[in-house]
Amino acid sequence: MSGALQRGVRLGVDVGKARVGLAASDPDGILATPVKTLRRDLKKGFDRRLIVREALERAAVVVYVGYPVNMQGRSTESTEDAHRYAQDLAAELLAAGSPARVHLVDERLSTVTAHRQLHEAGRGSRTHREVVDQVAAVQILEQALNMQQSLQRDAGRPVLVPAPEGPEGEDGTRGRPDS
């Protein structure tokens, strides 16, 4: 939905090499809360299927995936990995019948901030691993929610997904191009 904010749950996803953090907002986009940490399944994508299930159960309208560019704003190996993950997630959401769109949002320092918050809360660094990805996902989602309130539209870059049957747009895609 371009130009206007659609009411509904938004999910935040922090993609890591070993784990994926998941957070969710309330339908009004006011509060972001941690949901769970998923083990990353590079072969079968079970983690993405769990996110799709969560999106369907919560009737999510947007899924924000963290886009980890470096401090100069350039792509890294992790950036490309997150982009592929977002594309695969968008295709799986579409195939499952979810109306949720996937957007990439700049997530510079989200994990660093998450570690700092956990440390300040008195959580030992040994136990960070269990929840740091969830806290990073909350950071990503909070940033996206703040941006969307400021812009009065969904934040980030939409991820382009080819339409499965027949064109929905002139170019046969759902959503806007992710340039």
C-alpha atoms as a PDB file:
ATOM      1  CA  MET A   1       0.000   0.000   0.000  1.00  0.00           C
ATOM      2  CA  SER A   2       1.892   3.019  -1.175  1.00  0.00           C
ATOM      3  CA  GLY A   3       1.423   6.489   0.252  1.00  0.00           C
ATOM      4  CA  ALA A   4      -0.607   5.442   3.309  1.00  0.00           C
ATOM      5  CA  LEU A   5       0.026   3.474   6.461  1.00  0.00           C
ATOM      6  CA  GLN A   6      -1.934   0.257   6.690  1.00  0.00           C
ATOM      7  CA  ARG A   7      -2.933  -0.788  10.199  1.00  0.00           C
ATOM      8  CA  GLY A   8      -1.603  -4.188  11.208  1.00  0.00           C
ATOM      9  CA  VAL A   9       1.120  -6.189  12.871  1.00  0.00           C
ATOM     10  CA  ARG A  10       4.661  -5.759  11.654  1.00  0.00           C
ATOM     11  CA  LEU A  11       7.451  -8.268  12.181  1.00  0.00           C
ATOM     12  CA  GLY A  12      11.147  -7.529  12.563  1.00  0.00           C
ATOM     13  CA  VAL A  13      13.769 -10.071  11.498  1.00  0.00           C
ATOM     14  CA  ASP A  14      17.481 -10.071  12.370  1.00  0.00           C
ATOM     15  CA  VAL A  15      19.262 -12.506  10.039  1.00  0.00           C
ATOM     16  CA  GLY A  16      22.487 -14.047  11.281  1.00  0.00           C
ATOM     17  CA  LYS A  17      24.656 -16.894  10.061  1.00  0.00           C
ATOM     18  CA  ALA A  18      23.557 -19.249  12.857  1.00  0.00           C
ATOM     19  CA  ARG A  19      20.399 -17.691  14.295  1.00  0.00           C
ATOM     20  CA  VAL A  20      17.484 -15.493  13.260  1.00  0.00           C
ATOM     21  CA  GLY A  21      15.807 -13.135  15.716  1.00  0.00           C
ATOM     22  CA  LEU A  22      12.104 -12.380  15.421  1.00  0.00           C
ATOM     23  CA  ALA A  23      10.094  -9.522  16.936  1.00  0.00           C
ATOM     24  CA  ALA A  24       6.508  -8.338  16.465  1.00  0.00           C
ATOM     25  CA  SER A  25       4.559  -5.132  16.920  1.00  0.00           C
ATOM     26  CA  ASP A  26       1.009  -4.568  18.033  1.00  0.00           C
ATOM     27  CA  PRO A  27      -1.506  -3.781  15.230  1.00  0.00           C
ATOM     28  CA  ASP A  28      -1.095  -0.032  15.826  1.00  0.00           C
ATOM     29  CA  GLY A  29       2.686  -0.180  15.437  1.00  0.00           C
ATOM     30  CA  ILE A  30       3.383   1.310  18.856  1.00  0.00           C
ATOM     31  CA  LEU A  31       5.271  -1.424  20.704  1.00  0.00           C
ATOM     32  CA  ALA A  32       7.861  -3.915  19.437  1.00  0.00           C
ATOM     33  CA  THR A  33       8.341  -7.076  21.499  1.00  0.00           C
ATOM     34  CA  PRO A  34      10.672 -10.056  21.144  1.00  0.00           C
ATOM     35  CA  VAL A  35       9.065 -13.250  19.835  1.00  0.00           C
ATOM     36  CA  LYS A  36      11.756 -15.918  19.501  1.00  0.00           C
ATOM     37  CA  THR A  37      15.178 -16.892  18.293  1.00  0.00           C
ATOM     38  CA  LEU A  38      15.245 -19.419  15.473  1.00  0.00           C
ATOM     39  CA  ARG A  39      18.107 -21.667  14.469  1.00  0.00           C
ATOM     40  CA  ARG A  40      19.097 -20.735  10.909  1.00  0.00           C
ATOM     41  CA  ASP A  41      18.421 -23.630   8.539  1.00  0.00           C
ATOM     42  CA  LEU A  42      20.511 -22.964   5.430  1.00  0.00           C
ATOM     43  CA  LYS A  43      19.500 -26.197   3.675  1.00  0.00           C
ATOM     44  CA  LYS A  44      15.732 -26.415   4.127  1.00  0.00           C
ATOM     45  CA  GLY A  45      14.728 -22.918   5.246  1.00  0.00           C
ATOM     46  CA  PHE A  46      12.749 -24.147   8.251  1.00  0.00           C
ATOM     47  CA  ASP A  47      13.388 -20.812   9.996  1.00  0.00           C
ATOM     48  CA  ARG A  48      11.681 -18.936   7.146  1.00  0.00           C
ATOM     49  CA  ARG A  49       8.710 -21.312   7.293  1.00  0.00           C
ATOM     50  CA  LEU A  50       8.329 -20.505  10.995  1.00  0.00           C
ATOM     51  CA  ILE A  51       8.379 -16.784  10.199  1.00  0.00           C
ATOM     52  CA  VAL A  52       5.731 -17.331   7.510  1.00  0.00           C
ATOM     53  CA  ARG A  53       3.591 -19.221  10.031  1.00  0.00           C
ATOM     54  CA  GLU A  54       4.026 -16.399  12.550  1.00  0.00           C
ATOM     55  CA  ALA A  55       3.095 -13.819   9.883  1.00  0.00           C
ATOM     56  CA  LEU A  56      -0.057 -15.751   9.006  1.00  0.00           C
ATOM     57  CA  GLU A  57      -1.090 -16.303  12.645  1.00  0.00           C
ATOM     58  CA  ARG A  58      -0.602 -12.631  13.481  1.00  0.00           C
ATOM     59  CA  ALA A  59      -2.037 -11.370  10.161  1.00  0.00           C
ATOM     60  CA  ALA A  60       1.145  -9.354   9.612  1.00  0.00           C
ATOM     61  CA  VAL A  61       1.097  -6.667   6.929  1.00  0.00           C
ATOM     62  CA  VAL A  62       4.843  -5.980   6.706  1.00  0.00           C
ATOM     63  CA  VAL A  63       7.986  -7.919   7.597  1.00  0.00           C
ATOM     64  CA  TYR A  64      11.065  -5.763   8.126  1.00  0.00           C
ATOM     65  CA  VAL A  65      14.318  -7.616   7.512  1.00  0.00           C
ATOM     66  CA  GLY A  66      17.507  -6.003   8.780  1.00  0.00           C
ATOM     67  CA  TYR A  67      19.878  -4.945   6.013  1.00  0.00           C
ATOM     68  CA  PRO A  68      23.395  -4.871   7.482  1.00  0.00           C
ATOM     69  CA  VAL A  69      25.345  -2.390   5.386  1.00  0.00           C
ATOM     70  CA  ASN A  70      28.732  -1.324   6.737  1.00  0.00           C
ATOM     71  CA  MET A  71      29.318   2.047   8.410  1.00  0.00           C
ATOM     72  CA  GLN A  72      30.038   3.640   5.017  1.00  0.00           C
ATOM     73  CA  GLY A  73      26.706   2.356   3.684  1.00  0.00           C
ATOM     74  CA  ARG A  74      28.286  -0.278   1.445  1.00  0.00           C
ATOM     75  CA  SER A  75      27.266  -3.876   0.919  1.00  0.00           C
ATOM     76  CA  THR A  76      29.077  -6.750   2.593  1.00  0.00           C
ATOM     77  CA  GLU A  77      28.716 -10.528   2.444  1.00  0.00           C
ATOM     78  CA  SER A  78      26.160 -10.245   5.277  1.00  0.00           C
ATOM     79  CA  THR A  79      24.245  -7.609   3.308  1.00  0.00           C
ATOM     80  CA  GLU A  80      23.930  -9.923   0.317  1.00  0.00           C
ATOM     81  CA  ASP A  81      22.912 -12.810   2.591  1.00  0.00           C
ATOM     82  CA  ALA A  82      20.159 -10.710   4.198  1.00  0.00           C
ATOM     83  CA  HIS A  83      18.936  -9.614   0.758  1.00  0.00           C
ATOM     84  CA  ARG A  84      18.697 -13.231  -0.466  1.00  0.00           C
ATOM     85  CA  TYR A  85      16.959 -14.199   2.776  1.00  0.00           C
ATOM     86  CA  ALA A  86      14.434 -11.365   2.327  1.00  0.00           C
ATOM     87  CA  GLN A  87      13.731 -12.394  -1.274  1.00  0.00           C
ATOM     88  CA  ASP A  88      13.197 -16.030  -0.280  1.00  0.00           C
ATOM     89  CA  LEU A  89      10.981 -14.976   2.644  1.00  0.00           C
ATOM     90  CA  ALA A  90       8.908 -12.700   0.395  1.00  0.00           C
ATOM     91  CA  ALA A  91       8.369 -15.539  -2.091  1.00  0.00           C
ATOM     92  CA  GLU A  92       7.390 -17.954   0.693  1.00  0.00           C
ATOM     93  CA  LEU A  93       4.948 -15.441   2.194  1.00  0.00           C
ATOM     94  CA  LEU A  94       3.350 -14.940  -1.219  1.00  0.00           C
ATOM     95  CA  ALA A  95       3.129 -18.706  -1.831  1.00  0.00           C
ATOM     96  CA  ALA A  96       1.470 -19.181   1.580  1.00  0.00           C
ATOM     97  CA  GLY A  97      -1.187 -16.585   0.742  1.00  0.00           C
ATOM     98  CA  SER A  98       0.076 -13.939   3.139  1.00  0.00           C
ATOM     99  CA  PRO A  99      -0.539 -10.325   2.146  1.00  0.00           C
ATOM    100  CA  ALA A 100       2.591  -9.284   4.092  1.00  0.00           C
ATOM    101  CA  ARG A 101       5.180  -7.336   2.171  1.00  0.00           C
ATOM    102  CA  VAL A 102       8.886  -7.597   2.948  1.00  0.00           C
ATOM    103  CA  HIS A 103      11.014  -4.482   3.348  1.00  0.00           C
ATOM    104  CA  LEU A 104      14.744  -4.173   3.946  1.00  0.00           C
ATOM    105  CA  VAL A 105      15.752  -1.652   6.612  1.00  0.00           C
ATOM    106  CA  ASP A 106      19.225  -0.401   7.478  1.00  0.00           C
ATOM    107  CA  GLU A 107      20.284  -2.147  10.669  1.00  0.00           C
ATOM    108  CA  ARG A 108      23.722  -0.714  11.339  1.00  0.00           C
ATOM    109  CA  LEU A 109      24.734  -1.419  14.932  1.00  0.00           C
ATOM    110  CA  SER A 110      21.508  -3.243  15.917  1.00  0.00           C
ATOM    111  CA  THR A 111      23.398  -6.243  17.323  1.00  0.00           C
ATOM    112  CA  VAL A 112      25.963  -4.001  19.040  1.00  0.00           C
ATOM    113  CA  THR A 113      23.111  -2.018  20.611  1.00  0.00           C
ATOM    114  CA  ALA A 114      21.379  -5.245  21.633  1.00  0.00           C
ATOM    115  CA  HIS A 115      24.524  -6.521  23.378  1.00  0.00           C
ATOM    116  CA  ARG A 116      24.917  -3.184  25.180  1.00  0.00           C
ATOM    117  CA  GLN A 117      21.292  -3.200  26.352  1.00  0.00           C
ATOM    118  CA  LEU A 118      21.602  -6.754  27.657  1.00  0.00           C
ATOM    119  CA  HIS A 119      24.816  -5.866  29.478  1.00  0.00           C
ATOM    120  CA  GLU A 120      23.207  -2.756  31.000  1.00  0.00           C
ATOM    121  CA  ALA A 121      20.267  -4.906  32.127  1.00  0.00           C
ATOM    122  CA  GLY A 122      22.703  -7.077  34.068  1.00  0.00           C
ATOM    123  CA  ARG A 123      22.581 -10.046  31.742  1.00  0.00           C
ATOM    124  CA  GLY A 124      25.935 -11.851  31.562  1.00  0.00           C
ATOM    125  CA  SER A 125      27.625 -12.116  28.185  1.00  0.00           C
ATOM    126  CA  ARG A 126      27.379 -15.922  28.319  1.00  0.00           C
ATOM    127  CA  THR A 127      23.589 -15.733  28.249  1.00  0.00           C
ATOM    128  CA  HIS A 128      23.439 -13.040  25.540  1.00  0.00           C
ATOM    129  CA  ARG A 129      23.472 -15.612  22.752  1.00  0.00           C
ATOM    130  CA  GLU A 130      20.029 -16.915  23.750  1.00  0.00           C
ATOM    131  CA  VAL A 131      18.294 -13.590  23.314  1.00  0.00           C
ATOM    132  CA  VAL A 132      20.579 -11.133  21.512  1.00  0.00           C
ATOM    133  CA  ASP A 133      19.022 -11.919  18.116  1.00  0.00           C
ATOM    134  CA  GLN A 134      15.535 -11.229  19.493  1.00  0.00           C
ATOM    135  CA  VAL A 135      16.706  -7.941  20.991  1.00  0.00           C
ATOM    136  CA  ALA A 136      18.362  -7.017  17.668  1.00  0.00           C
ATOM    137  CA  ALA A 137      15.083  -7.849  15.881  1.00  0.00           C
ATOM    138  CA  VAL A 138      13.273  -5.525  18.312  1.00  0.00           C
ATOM    139  CA  GLN A 139      15.848  -2.800  17.485  1.00  0.00           C
ATOM    140  CA  ILE A 140      15.235  -3.279  13.753  1.00  0.00           C
ATOM    141  CA  LEU A 141      11.470  -3.200  14.209  1.00  0.00           C
ATOM    142  CA  GLU A 142      11.529  -0.157  16.510  1.00  0.00           C
ATOM    143  CA  GLN A 143      13.653   1.743  14.003  1.00  0.00           C
ATOM    144  CA  ALA A 144      11.244   0.819  11.189  1.00  0.00           C
ATOM    145  CA  LEU A 145       8.204   1.796  13.289  1.00  0.00           C
ATOM    146  CA  ASN A 146       9.776   5.170  14.127  1.00  0.00           C
ATOM    147  CA  MET A 147      10.626   5.770  10.473  1.00  0.00           C
ATOM    148  CA  GLN A 148       7.141   4.832   9.297  1.00  0.00           C
ATOM    149  CA  GLN A 149       5.553   7.186  11.833  1.00  0.00           C
ATOM    150  CA  SER A 150       7.812   9.979  10.637  1.00  0.00           C
ATOM    151  CA  LEU A 151       7.282   9.246   6.933  1.00  0.00           C
ATOM    152  CA  GLN A 152       3.643   8.130   7.218  1.00  0.00           C
ATOM    153  CA  ARG A 153       4.425   5.166   4.986  1.00  0.00           C
ATOM    154  CA  ASP A 154       6.169   1.837   5.391  1.00  0.00           C
ATOM    155  CA  ALA A 155       9.889   2.237   6.001  1.00  0.00           C
ATOM    156  CA  GLY A 156      12.764   0.694   4.083  1.00  0.00           C
ATOM    157  CA  ARG A 157      13.121  -0.779   0.619  1.00  0.00           C
ATOM    158  CA  PRO A 158      10.392  -3.118  -0.606  1.00  0.00           C
ATOM    159  CA  VAL A 159      11.551  -6.506  -1.838  1.00  0.00           C
ATOM    160  CA  LEU A 160      10.377  -7.399  -5.330  1.00  0.00           C
ATOM    161  CA  VAL A 161       8.657 -10.769  -5.777  1.00  0.00           C
ATOM    162  CA  PRO A 162       7.626 -12.205  -9.149  1.00  0.00           C
ATOM    163  CA  ALA A 163       3.904 -12.911  -9.251  1.00  0.00           C
ATOM    164  CA  PRO A 164       3.254 -16.690  -9.394  1.00  0.00           C
ATOM    165  CA  GLU A 165       0.325 -16.634 -11.824  1.00  0.00           C
ATOM    166  CA  GLY A 166      -0.530 -13.811 -14.143  1.00  0.00           C
ATOM    167  CA  PRO A 167       0.777 -10.294 -13.726  1.00  0.00           C
ATOM    168  CA  GLU A 168      -0.570  -8.162 -10.882  1.00  0.00           C
ATOM    169  CA  GLY A 169       1.265  -5.141 -12.178  1.00  0.00           C
ATOM    170  CA  GLU A 170       2.447  -4.197 -15.619  1.00  0.00           C
ATOM    171  CA  ASP A 171       5.765  -5.890 -14.943  1.00  0.00           C
ATOM    172  CA  GLY A 172       4.262  -9.065 -13.436  1.00  0.00           C
ATOM    173  CA  THR A 173       5.458  -8.333  -9.911  1.00  0.00           C
ATOM    174  CA  ARG A 174       3.924  -7.754  -6.515  1.00  0.00           C
ATOM    175  CA  GLY A 175       5.199  -4.694  -4.719  1.00  0.00           C
ATOM    176  CA  ARG A 176       7.669  -2.105  -5.870  1.00  0.00           C
ATOM    177  CA  PRO A 177      11.097  -2.851  -7.270  1.00  0.00           C
ATOM    178  CA  ASP A 178      13.859  -3.260  -4.719  1.00  0.00           C
ATOM    179  CA  SER A 179      16.520  -1.115  -6.281  1.00  0.00           C
END
